[in-house]
PDB file of all heavy atoms in Angstrom:
ATOM      1  N   VAL A   1     -31.984 -16.775  18.502  1.00  0.00           N
ATOM      2  CA  VAL A   1     -30.763 -17.497  18.130  1.00  0.00           C
ATOM      3  C   VAL A   1     -31.062 -18.324  16.889  1.00  0.00           C
ATOM      4  O   VAL A   1     -32.161 -18.835  16.710  1.00  0.00           O
ATOM      5  CB  VAL A   1     -30.235 -18.388  19.278  1.00  0.00           C
ATOM      6  CG1 VAL A   1     -29.761 -17.547  20.441  1.00  0.00           C
ATOM      7  CG2 VAL A   1     -31.264 -19.394  19.730  1.00  0.00           C
ATOM      8  N   ASP A   2     -30.076 -18.410  16.018  1.00  0.00           N
ATOM      9  CA  ASP A   2     -30.185 -19.181  14.774  1.00  0.00           C
ATOM     10  C   ASP A   2     -28.975 -20.111  14.697  1.00  0.00           C
ATOM     11  O   ASP A   2     -28.067 -19.895  13.895  1.00  0.00           O
ATOM     12  CB  ASP A   2     -30.233 -18.213  13.584  1.00  0.00           C
ATOM     13  CG  ASP A   2     -30.598 -18.898  12.279  1.00  0.00           C
ATOM     14  OD1 ASP A   2     -31.051 -20.060  12.306  1.00  0.00           O
ATOM     15  OD2 ASP A   2     -30.418 -18.263  11.225  1.00  0.00           O
ATOM     16  N   PRO A   3     -28.943 -21.141  15.574  1.00  0.00           N
ATOM     17  CA  PRO A   3     -27.733 -21.952  15.704  1.00  0.00           C
ATOM     18  C   PRO A   3     -27.346 -22.730  14.453  1.00  0.00           C
ATOM     19  O   PRO A   3     -26.176 -22.940  14.196  1.00  0.00           O
ATOM     20  CB  PRO A   3     -28.057 -22.894  16.864  1.00  0.00           C
ATOM     21  CG  PRO A   3     -29.542 -22.960  16.907  1.00  0.00           C
ATOM     22  CD  PRO A   3     -30.021 -21.613  16.431  1.00  0.00           C
ATOM     23  N   ASN A   4     -28.324 -23.142  13.663  1.00  0.00           N
ATOM     24  CA  ASN A   4     -28.012 -23.919  12.467  1.00  0.00           C
ATOM     25  C   ASN A   4     -28.242 -23.141  11.170  1.00  0.00           C
ATOM     26  O   ASN A   4     -28.094 -23.683  10.087  1.00  0.00           O
ATOM     27  CB  ASN A   4     -28.806 -25.230  12.448  1.00  0.00           C
ATOM     28  CG  ASN A   4     -30.305 -24.990  12.433  1.00  0.00           C
ATOM     29  OD1 ASN A   4     -30.761 -23.856  12.305  1.00  0.00           O
ATOM     30  ND2 ASN A   4     -31.068 -26.061  12.575  1.00  0.00           N
ATOM     31  N   GLY A   5     -28.618 -21.881  11.265  1.00  0.00           N
ATOM     32  CA  GLY A   5     -28.794 -21.039  10.082  1.00  0.00           C
ATOM     33  C   GLY A   5     -30.121 -21.191   9.362  1.00  0.00           C
ATOM     34  O   GLY A   5     -30.305 -20.640   8.282  1.00  0.00           O
ATOM     35  N   SER A   6     -31.091 -21.894   9.947  1.00  0.00           N
ATOM     36  CA  SER A   6     -32.355 -22.127   9.242  1.00  0.00           C
ATOM     37  C   SER A   6     -33.180 -20.849   9.074  1.00  0.00           C
ATOM     38  O   SER A   6     -33.817 -20.652   8.042  1.00  0.00           O
ATOM     39  CB  SER A   6     -33.178 -23.208   9.946  1.00  0.00           C
ATOM     40  OG  SER A   6     -33.489 -22.814  11.266  1.00  0.00           O
ATOM     41  N   ILE A   7     -33.174 -19.965  10.072  1.00  0.00           N
ATOM     42  CA  ILE A   7     -33.891 -18.695   9.925  1.00  0.00           C
ATOM     43  C   ILE A   7     -33.243 -17.880   8.808  1.00  0.00           C
ATOM     44  O   ILE A   7     -33.924 -17.322   7.941  1.00  0.00           O
ATOM     45  CB  ILE A   7     -33.907 -17.898  11.250  1.00  0.00           C
ATOM     46  CG1 ILE A   7     -34.658 -18.659  12.345  1.00  0.00           C
ATOM     47  CG2 ILE A   7     -34.520 -16.515  11.032  1.00  0.00           C
ATOM     48  CD1 ILE A   7     -34.552 -18.024  13.725  1.00  0.00           C
ATOM     49  N   SER A   8     -31.924 -17.848   8.814  1.00  0.00           N
ATOM     50  CA  SER A   8     -31.178 -17.083   7.813  1.00  0.00           C
ATOM     51  C   SER A   8     -31.421 -17.596   6.402  1.00  0.00           C
ATOM     52  O   SER A   8     -31.540 -16.806   5.455  1.00  0.00           O
ATOM     53  CB  SER A   8     -29.688 -17.127   8.134  1.00  0.00           C
ATOM     54  OG  SER A   8     -29.461 -16.665   9.440  1.00  0.00           O
ATOM     55  N   VAL A   9     -31.489 -18.903   6.245  1.00  0.00           N
ATOM     56  CA  VAL A   9     -31.756 -19.482   4.918  1.00  0.00           C
ATOM     57  C   VAL A   9     -33.115 -19.021   4.418  1.00  0.00           C
ATOM     58  O   VAL A   9     -33.268 -18.630   3.254  1.00  0.00           O
ATOM     59  CB  VAL A   9     -31.676 -21.023   4.970  1.00  0.00           C
ATOM     60  CG1 VAL A   9     -32.264 -21.653   3.720  1.00  0.00           C
ATOM     61  CG2 VAL A   9     -30.239 -21.472   5.156  1.00  0.00           C
ATOM     62  N   ASN A  10     -34.120 -19.031   5.290  1.00  0.00           N
ATOM     63  CA  ASN A  10     -35.457 -18.606   4.879  1.00  0.00           C
ATOM     64  C   ASN A  10     -35.504 -17.138   4.467  1.00  0.00           C
ATOM     65  O   ASN A  10     -36.347 -16.737   3.669  1.00  0.00           O
ATOM     66  CB  ASN A  10     -36.471 -18.870   5.994  1.00  0.00           C
ATOM     67  CG  ASN A  10     -36.704 -20.344   6.206  1.00  0.00           C
ATOM     68  OD1 ASN A  10     -36.495 -21.157   5.316  1.00  0.00           O
ATOM     69  ND2 ASN A  10     -37.117 -20.709   7.400  1.00  0.00           N
ATOM     70  N   TRP A  11     -34.603 -16.334   5.008  1.00  0.00           N
ATOM     71  CA  TRP A  11     -34.525 -14.912   4.662  1.00  0.00           C
ATOM     72  C   TRP A  11     -33.602 -14.656   3.473  1.00  0.00           C
ATOM     73  O   TRP A  11     -33.490 -13.534   2.999  1.00  0.00           O
ATOM     74  CB  TRP A  11     -34.077 -14.098   5.868  1.00  0.00           C
ATOM     75  CG  TRP A  11     -35.176 -13.859   6.854  1.00  0.00           C
ATOM     76  CD1 TRP A  11     -35.630 -14.711   7.810  1.00  0.00           C
ATOM     77  CD2 TRP A  11     -35.972 -12.679   6.966  1.00  0.00           C
ATOM     78  NE1 TRP A  11     -36.656 -14.134   8.514  1.00  0.00           N
ATOM     79  CE2 TRP A  11     -36.886 -12.878   8.015  1.00  0.00           C
ATOM     80  CE3 TRP A  11     -35.995 -11.461   6.291  1.00  0.00           C
ATOM     81  CZ2 TRP A  11     -37.821 -11.925   8.396  1.00  0.00           C
ATOM     82  CZ3 TRP A  11     -36.914 -10.501   6.680  1.00  0.00           C
ATOM     83  CH2 TRP A  11     -37.821 -10.739   7.716  1.00  0.00           C
ATOM     84  N   GLY A  12     -32.875 -15.680   3.023  1.00  0.00           N
ATOM     85  CA  GLY A  12     -31.964 -15.509   1.894  1.00  0.00           C
ATOM     86  C   GLY A  12     -30.694 -14.766   2.255  1.00  0.00           C
ATOM     87  O   GLY A  12     -30.075 -14.128   1.405  1.00  0.00           O
ATOM     88  N   VAL A  13     -30.273 -14.875   3.506  1.00  0.00           N
ATOM     89  CA  VAL A  13     -29.068 -14.179   3.961  1.00  0.00           C
ATOM     90  C   VAL A  13     -27.850 -14.789   3.268  1.00  0.00           C
ATOM     91  O   VAL A  13     -27.689 -16.001   3.234  1.00  0.00           O
ATOM     92  CB  VAL A  13     -28.935 -14.265   5.496  1.00  0.00           C
ATOM     93  CG1 VAL A  13     -27.594 -13.738   5.962  1.00  0.00           C
ATOM     94  CG2 VAL A  13     -30.074 -13.504   6.150  1.00  0.00           C
ATOM     95  N   THR A  14     -27.008 -13.910   2.721  1.00  0.00           N
ATOM     96  CA  THR A  14     -25.807 -14.360   2.024  1.00  0.00           C
ATOM     97  C   THR A  14     -24.522 -14.020   2.760  1.00  0.00           C
ATOM     98  O   THR A  14     -23.462 -14.497   2.394  1.00  0.00           O
ATOM     99  CB  THR A  14     -25.748 -13.758   0.611  1.00  0.00           C
ATOM    100  OG1 THR A  14     -25.778 -12.337   0.707  1.00  0.00           O
ATOM    101  CG2 THR A  14     -26.918 -14.239  -0.237  1.00  0.00           C
ATOM    102  N   GLY A  15     -24.592 -13.173   3.753  1.00  0.00           N
ATOM    103  CA  GLY A  15     -23.419 -12.786   4.528  1.00  0.00           C
ATOM    104  C   GLY A  15     -23.848 -11.863   5.646  1.00  0.00           C
ATOM    105  O   GLY A  15     -24.965 -11.357   5.645  1.00  0.00           O
ATOM    106  N   LEU A  16     -22.943 -11.657   6.580  1.00  0.00           N
ATOM    107  CA  LEU A  16     -23.276 -10.799   7.715  1.00  0.00           C
ATOM    108  C   LEU A  16     -22.524  -9.489   7.643  1.00  0.00           C
ATOM    109  O   LEU A  16     -21.402  -9.469   7.141  1.00  0.00           O
ATOM    110  CB  LEU A  16     -22.929 -11.497   9.028  1.00  0.00           C
ATOM    111  CG  LEU A  16     -23.701 -12.762   9.358  1.00  0.00           C
ATOM    112  CD1 LEU A  16     -23.294 -13.265  10.735  1.00  0.00           C
ATOM    113  CD2 LEU A  16     -25.194 -12.568   9.297  1.00  0.00           C
ATOM    114  N   PRO A  17     -23.117  -8.449   8.176  1.00  0.00           N
ATOM    115  CA  PRO A  17     -24.513  -8.336   8.595  1.00  0.00           C
ATOM    116  C   PRO A  17     -25.431  -8.118   7.401  1.00  0.00           C
ATOM    117  O   PRO A  17     -24.994  -7.670   6.342  1.00  0.00           O
ATOM    118  CB  PRO A  17     -24.505  -7.106   9.498  1.00  0.00           C
ATOM    119  CG  PRO A  17     -23.411  -6.243   8.942  1.00  0.00           C
ATOM    120  CD  PRO A  17     -22.370  -7.203   8.427  1.00  0.00           C
ATOM    121  N   GLU A  18     -26.675  -8.425   7.584  1.00  0.00           N
ATOM    122  CA  GLU A  18     -27.744  -8.097   6.636  1.00  0.00           C
ATOM    123  C   GLU A  18     -28.922  -7.576   7.436  1.00  0.00           C
ATOM    124  O   GLU A  18     -29.221  -8.095   8.506  1.00  0.00           O
ATOM    125  CB  GLU A  18     -28.180  -9.301   5.801  1.00  0.00           C
ATOM    126  CG  GLU A  18     -27.281  -9.542   4.618  1.00  0.00           C
ATOM    127  CD  GLU A  18     -27.841 -10.523   3.610  1.00  0.00           C
ATOM    128  OE1 GLU A  18     -29.052 -10.477   3.316  1.00  0.00           O
ATOM    129  OE2 GLU A  18     -27.056 -11.345   3.115  1.00  0.00           O
ATOM    130  N   THR A  19     -29.565  -6.562   6.898  1.00  0.00           N
ATOM    131  CA  THR A  19     -30.709  -5.953   7.576  1.00  0.00           C
ATOM    132  C   THR A  19     -31.852  -5.807   6.584  1.00  0.00           C
ATOM    133  O   THR A  19     -31.648  -5.350   5.462  1.00  0.00           O
ATOM    134  CB  THR A  19     -30.327  -4.569   8.148  1.00  0.00           C
ATOM    135  OG1 THR A  19     -29.183  -4.729   8.996  1.00  0.00           O
ATOM    136  CG2 THR A  19     -31.471  -3.968   8.940  1.00  0.00           C
ATOM    137  N   PHE A  20     -33.028  -6.211   7.017  1.00  0.00           N
ATOM    138  CA  PHE A  20     -34.240  -6.121   6.209  1.00  0.00           C
ATOM    139  C   PHE A  20     -35.204  -5.136   6.860  1.00  0.00           C
ATOM    140  O   PHE A  20     -35.269  -5.054   8.087  1.00  0.00           O
ATOM    141  CB  PHE A  20     -34.917  -7.488   6.114  1.00  0.00           C
ATOM    142  CG  PHE A  20     -34.115  -8.516   5.372  1.00  0.00           C
ATOM    143  CD1 PHE A  20     -33.102  -9.213   6.008  1.00  0.00           C
ATOM    144  CD2 PHE A  20     -34.356  -8.777   4.031  1.00  0.00           C
ATOM    145  CE1 PHE A  20     -32.352 -10.165   5.329  1.00  0.00           C
ATOM    146  CE2 PHE A  20     -33.617  -9.718   3.350  1.00  0.00           C
ATOM    147  CZ  PHE A  20     -32.610 -10.421   3.993  1.00  0.00           C
ATOM    148  N   ILE A  21     -35.932  -4.423   6.025  1.00  0.00           N
ATOM    149  CA  ILE A  21     -37.001  -3.553   6.510  1.00  0.00           C
ATOM    150  C   ILE A  21     -38.320  -4.232   6.169  1.00  0.00           C
ATOM    151  O   ILE A  21     -38.571  -4.574   5.003  1.00  0.00           O
ATOM    152  CB  ILE A  21     -36.938  -2.154   5.867  1.00  0.00           C
ATOM    153  CG1 ILE A  21     -35.600  -1.480   6.179  1.00  0.00           C
ATOM    154  CG2 ILE A  21     -38.108  -1.298   6.356  1.00  0.00           C
ATOM    155  CD1 ILE A  21     -35.380  -0.172   5.423  1.00  0.00           C
ATOM    156  N   VAL A  22     -39.134  -4.426   7.193  1.00  0.00           N
ATOM    157  CA  VAL A  22     -40.467  -5.019   7.033  1.00  0.00           C
ATOM    158  C   VAL A  22     -41.462  -3.911   7.335  1.00  0.00           C
ATOM    159  O   VAL A  22     -41.385  -3.250   8.375  1.00  0.00           O
ATOM    160  CB  VAL A  22     -40.659  -6.213   7.993  1.00  0.00           C
ATOM    161  CG1 VAL A  22     -42.052  -6.815   7.840  1.00  0.00           C
ATOM    162  CG2 VAL A  22     -39.575  -7.264   7.764  1.00  0.00           C
ATOM    163  N   ASP A  23     -42.405  -3.671   6.414  1.00  0.00           N
ATOM    164  CA  ASP A  23     -43.357  -2.569   6.621  1.00  0.00           C
ATOM    165  C   ASP A  23     -44.401  -2.929   7.673  1.00  0.00           C
ATOM    166  O   ASP A  23     -44.416  -4.047   8.214  1.00  0.00           O
ATOM    167  CB  ASP A  23     -43.987  -2.113   5.303  1.00  0.00           C
ATOM    168  CG  ASP A  23     -44.982  -3.110   4.709  1.00  0.00           C
ATOM    169  OD1 ASP A  23     -45.370  -4.101   5.373  1.00  0.00           O
ATOM    170  OD2 ASP A  23     -45.394  -2.885   3.556  1.00  0.00           O
ATOM    171  N   GLY A  24     -45.275  -1.994   7.962  1.00  0.00           N
ATOM    172  CA  GLY A  24     -46.282  -2.155   9.006  1.00  0.00           C
ATOM    173  C   GLY A  24     -47.287  -3.258   8.748  1.00  0.00           C
ATOM    174  O   GLY A  24     -47.966  -3.710   9.672  1.00  0.00           O
ATOM    175  N   ASP A  25     -47.377  -3.710   7.491  1.00  0.00           N
ATOM    176  CA  ASP A  25     -48.281  -4.811   7.150  1.00  0.00           C
ATOM    177  C   ASP A  25     -47.592  -6.171   7.211  1.00  0.00           C
ATOM    178  O   ASP A  25     -48.228  -7.191   6.963  1.00  0.00           O
ATOM    179  CB  ASP A  25     -48.858  -4.602   5.750  1.00  0.00           C
ATOM    180  CG  ASP A  25     -49.746  -3.378   5.667  1.00  0.00           C
ATOM    181  OD1 ASP A  25     -50.418  -3.063   6.669  1.00  0.00           O
ATOM    182  OD2 ASP A  25     -49.758  -2.730   4.603  1.00  0.00           O
ATOM    183  N   GLY A  26     -46.280  -6.181   7.471  1.00  0.00           N
ATOM    184  CA  GLY A  26     -45.554  -7.451   7.531  1.00  0.00           C
ATOM    185  C   GLY A  26     -44.928  -7.867   6.215  1.00  0.00           C
ATOM    186  O   GLY A  26     -44.561  -9.030   6.040  1.00  0.00           O
ATOM    187  N   THR A  27     -44.740  -6.915   5.291  1.00  0.00           N
ATOM    188  CA  THR A  27     -44.156  -7.207   3.984  1.00  0.00           C
ATOM    189  C   THR A  27     -42.711  -6.704   3.945  1.00  0.00           C
ATOM    190  O   THR A  27     -42.429  -5.580   4.358  1.00  0.00           O
ATOM    191  CB  THR A  27     -44.967  -6.512   2.864  1.00  0.00           C
ATOM    192  OG1 THR A  27     -46.309  -6.982   2.927  1.00  0.00           O
ATOM    193  CG2 THR A  27     -44.388  -6.795   1.495  1.00  0.00           C
ATOM    194  N   VAL A  28     -41.811  -7.529   3.435  1.00  0.00           N
ATOM    195  CA  VAL A  28     -40.417  -7.119   3.276  1.00  0.00           C
ATOM    196  C   VAL A  28     -40.357  -6.075   2.166  1.00  0.00           C
ATOM    197  O   VAL A  28     -40.838  -6.314   1.060  1.00  0.00           O
ATOM    198  CB  VAL A  28     -39.512  -8.315   2.930  1.00  0.00           C
ATOM    199  CG1 VAL A  28     -38.069  -7.862   2.687  1.00  0.00           C
ATOM    200  CG2 VAL A  28     -39.559  -9.377   4.026  1.00  0.00           C
ATOM    201  N   VAL A  29     -39.777  -4.909   2.467  1.00  0.00           N
ATOM    202  CA  VAL A  29     -39.725  -3.837   1.467  1.00  0.00           C
ATOM    203  C   VAL A  29     -38.298  -3.438   1.080  1.00  0.00           C
ATOM    204  O   VAL A  29     -38.104  -2.739   0.084  1.00  0.00           O
ATOM    205  CB  VAL A  29     -40.498  -2.577   1.931  1.00  0.00           C
ATOM    206  CG1 VAL A  29     -41.989  -2.884   2.046  1.00  0.00           C
ATOM    207  CG2 VAL A  29     -39.951  -2.033   3.237  1.00  0.00           C
ATOM    208  N   TYR A  30     -37.286  -3.891   1.839  1.00  0.00           N
ATOM    209  CA  TYR A  30     -35.921  -3.479   1.532  1.00  0.00           C
ATOM    210  C   TYR A  30     -34.940  -4.446   2.172  1.00  0.00           C
ATOM    211  O   TYR A  30     -35.190  -4.974   3.265  1.00  0.00           O
ATOM    212  CB  TYR A  30     -35.669  -2.066   2.073  1.00  0.00           C
ATOM    213  CG  TYR A  30     -34.323  -1.471   1.712  1.00  0.00           C
ATOM    214  CD1 TYR A  30     -34.079  -0.939   0.454  1.00  0.00           C
ATOM    215  CD2 TYR A  30     -33.293  -1.439   2.646  1.00  0.00           C
ATOM    216  CE1 TYR A  30     -32.852  -0.386   0.128  1.00  0.00           C
ATOM    217  CE2 TYR A  30     -32.055  -0.884   2.336  1.00  0.00           C
ATOM    218  CZ  TYR A  30     -31.841  -0.360   1.072  1.00  0.00           C
ATOM    219  OH  TYR A  30     -30.621   0.182   0.755  1.00  0.00           O
ATOM    220  N   ARG A  31     -33.818  -4.656   1.501  1.00  0.00           N
ATOM    221  CA  ARG A  31     -32.733  -5.490   2.025  1.00  0.00           C
ATOM    222  C   ARG A  31     -31.434  -4.702   1.908  1.00  0.00           C
ATOM    223  O   ARG A  31     -31.126  -4.157   0.847  1.00  0.00           O
ATOM    224  CB  ARG A  31     -32.630  -6.758   1.210  1.00  0.00           C
ATOM    225  CG  ARG A  31     -31.426  -7.616   1.538  1.00  0.00           C
ATOM    226  CD  ARG A  31     -31.287  -8.699   0.501  1.00  0.00           C
ATOM    227  NE  ARG A  31     -30.321  -9.692   0.873  1.00  0.00           N
ATOM    228  CZ  ARG A  31     -29.875 -10.600   0.027  1.00  0.00           C
ATOM    229  NH1 ARG A  31     -30.332 -10.634  -1.204  1.00  0.00           N
ATOM    230  NH2 ARG A  31     -28.990 -11.474   0.417  1.00  0.00           N
ATOM    231  N   HIS A  32     -30.676  -4.649   2.997  1.00  0.00           N
ATOM    232  CA  HIS A  32     -29.377  -3.993   2.994  1.00  0.00           C
ATOM    233  C   HIS A  32     -28.321  -5.036   3.310  1.00  0.00           C
ATOM    234  O   HIS A  32     -28.309  -5.615   4.394  1.00  0.00           O
ATOM    235  CB  HIS A  32     -29.328  -2.868   4.027  1.00  0.00           C
ATOM    236  CG  HIS A  32     -28.058  -2.080   3.976  1.00  0.00           C
ATOM    237  ND1 HIS A  32     -27.905  -0.983   3.174  1.00  0.00           N
ATOM    238  CD2 HIS A  32     -26.874  -2.252   4.618  1.00  0.00           C
ATOM    239  CE1 HIS A  32     -26.691  -0.492   3.327  1.00  0.00           C
ATOM    240  NE2 HIS A  32     -26.038  -1.252   4.197  1.00  0.00           N
ATOM    241  N   PHE A  33     -27.434  -5.265   2.354  1.00  0.00           N
ATOM    242  CA  PHE A  33     -26.343  -6.219   2.549  1.00  0.00           C
ATOM    243  C   PHE A  33     -25.120  -5.474   3.072  1.00  0.00           C
ATOM    244  O   PHE A  33     -24.747  -4.436   2.555  1.00  0.00           O
ATOM    245  CB  PHE A  33     -25.998  -6.914   1.229  1.00  0.00           C
ATOM    246  CG  PHE A  33     -24.826  -7.832   1.340  1.00  0.00           C
ATOM    247  CD1 PHE A  33     -24.959  -9.063   1.931  1.00  0.00           C
ATOM    248  CD2 PHE A  33     -23.587  -7.443   0.873  1.00  0.00           C
ATOM    249  CE1 PHE A  33     -23.872  -9.921   2.049  1.00  0.00           C
ATOM    250  CE2 PHE A  33     -22.487  -8.282   0.993  1.00  0.00           C
ATOM    251  CZ  PHE A  33     -22.630  -9.527   1.574  1.00  0.00           C
ATOM    252  N   GLY A  34     -24.499  -6.005   4.103  1.00  0.00           N
ATOM    253  CA  GLY A  34     -23.324  -5.379   4.684  1.00  0.00           C
ATOM    254  C   GLY A  34     -23.726  -4.445   5.800  1.00  0.00           C
ATOM    255  O   GLY A  34     -24.903  -4.274   6.109  1.00  0.00           O
ATOM    256  N   PRO A  35     -22.740  -3.818   6.422  1.00  0.00           N
ATOM    257  CA  PRO A  35     -23.055  -2.951   7.550  1.00  0.00           C
ATOM    258  C   PRO A  35     -23.750  -1.674   7.106  1.00  0.00           C
ATOM    259  O   PRO A  35     -23.444  -1.118   6.054  1.00  0.00           O
ATOM    260  CB  PRO A  35     -21.680  -2.636   8.155  1.00  0.00           C
ATOM    261  CG  PRO A  35     -20.725  -2.793   7.023  1.00  0.00           C
ATOM    262  CD  PRO A  35     -21.290  -3.880   6.157  1.00  0.00           C
ATOM    263  N   VAL A  36     -24.693  -1.224   7.904  1.00  0.00           N
ATOM    264  CA  VAL A  36     -25.281   0.103   7.704  1.00  0.00           C
ATOM    265  C   VAL A  36     -24.277   1.066   8.339  1.00  0.00           C
ATOM    266  O   VAL A  36     -24.157   1.129   9.560  1.00  0.00           O
ATOM    267  CB  VAL A  36     -26.670   0.229   8.372  1.00  0.00           C
ATOM    268  CG1 VAL A  36     -27.235   1.619   8.133  1.00  0.00           C
ATOM    269  CG2 VAL A  36     -27.622  -0.836   7.842  1.00  0.00           C
ATOM    270  N   LEU A  37     -23.538   1.763   7.494  1.00  0.00           N
ATOM    271  CA  LEU A  37     -22.468   2.640   7.955  1.00  0.00           C
ATOM    272  C   LEU A  37     -23.024   3.984   8.410  1.00  0.00           C
ATOM    273  O   LEU A  37     -24.105   4.395   7.971  1.00  0.00           O
ATOM    274  CB  LEU A  37     -21.446   2.840   6.846  1.00  0.00           C
ATOM    275  CG  LEU A  37     -20.772   1.552   6.354  1.00  0.00           C
ATOM    276  CD1 LEU A  37     -19.937   1.833   5.117  1.00  0.00           C
ATOM    277  CD2 LEU A  37     -19.929   0.943   7.460  1.00  0.00           C
ATOM    278  N   PRO A  38     -22.297   4.691   9.269  1.00  0.00           N
ATOM    279  CA  PRO A  38     -22.772   6.004   9.706  1.00  0.00           C
ATOM    280  C   PRO A  38     -23.111   6.933   8.538  1.00  0.00           C
ATOM    281  O   PRO A  38     -24.107   7.655   8.596  1.00  0.00           O
ATOM    282  CB  PRO A  38     -21.599   6.543  10.535  1.00  0.00           C
ATOM    283  CG  PRO A  38     -20.950   5.315  11.086  1.00  0.00           C
ATOM    284  CD  PRO A  38     -21.067   4.293   9.981  1.00  0.00           C
ATOM    285  N   ALA A  39     -22.329   6.886   7.472  1.00  0.00           N
ATOM    286  CA  ALA A  39     -22.596   7.755   6.315  1.00  0.00           C
ATOM    287  C   ALA A  39     -23.876   7.358   5.582  1.00  0.00           C
ATOM    288  O   ALA A  39     -24.440   8.156   4.830  1.00  0.00           O
ATOM    289  CB  ALA A  39     -21.412   7.712   5.347  1.00  0.00           C
ATOM    290  N   GLN A  40     -24.348   6.136   5.786  1.00  0.00           N
ATOM    291  CA  GLN A  40     -25.568   5.644   5.126  1.00  0.00           C
ATOM    292  C   GLN A  40     -26.798   5.772   6.011  1.00  0.00           C
ATOM    293  O   GLN A  40     -27.898   5.436   5.581  1.00  0.00           O
ATOM    294  CB  GLN A  40     -25.390   4.170   4.742  1.00  0.00           C
ATOM    295  CG  GLN A  40     -24.264   3.915   3.784  1.00  0.00           C
ATOM    296  CD  GLN A  40     -23.960   2.435   3.664  1.00  0.00           C
ATOM    297  OE1 GLN A  40     -23.953   1.699   4.651  1.00  0.00           O
ATOM    298  NE2 GLN A  40     -23.706   1.996   2.453  1.00  0.00           N
ATOM    299  N   ARG A  41     -26.623   6.232   7.219  1.00  0.00           N
ATOM    300  CA  ARG A  41     -27.709   6.242   8.201  1.00  0.00           C
ATOM    301  C   ARG A  41     -28.941   6.994   7.703  1.00  0.00           C
ATOM    302  O   ARG A  41     -30.058   6.498   7.789  1.00  0.00           O
ATOM    303  CB  ARG A  41     -27.206   6.844   9.507  1.00  0.00           C
ATOM    304  CG  ARG A  41     -28.260   6.948  10.567  1.00  0.00           C
ATOM    305  CD  ARG A  41     -27.706   7.546  11.819  1.00  0.00           C
ATOM    306  NE  ARG A  41     -28.802   8.042  12.627  1.00  0.00           N
ATOM    307  CZ  ARG A  41     -28.632   8.602  13.787  1.00  0.00           C
ATOM    308  NH1 ARG A  41     -27.433   8.755  14.292  1.00  0.00           N
ATOM    309  NH2 ARG A  41     -29.674   9.025  14.463  1.00  0.00           N
ATOM    310  N   GLU A  42     -28.769   8.200   7.171  1.00  0.00           N
ATOM    311  CA  GLU A  42     -29.914   9.001   6.738  1.00  0.00           C
ATOM    312  C   GLU A  42     -30.632   8.364   5.558  1.00  0.00           C
ATOM    313  O   GLU A  42     -31.865   8.357   5.499  1.00  0.00           O
ATOM    314  CB  GLU A  42     -29.480  10.435   6.424  1.00  0.00           C
ATOM    315  CG  GLU A  42     -28.998  11.201   7.648  1.00  0.00           C
ATOM    316  CD  GLU A  42     -29.990  11.198   8.810  1.00  0.00           C
ATOM    317  OE1 GLU A  42     -31.197  11.436   8.577  1.00  0.00           O
ATOM    318  OE2 GLU A  42     -29.569  10.961   9.950  1.00  0.00           O
TER     319      GLU A  42
END
């Protein structure tokens, strides 16, 4: 839970939804702003 938005601020979230991909080493490698739509799934 992020009741006051502090986790989101640290991630630089600008709107919902947002999804980040973190690689196996713990490094952020991609940011997707907005919904991941069925047409974007692949």
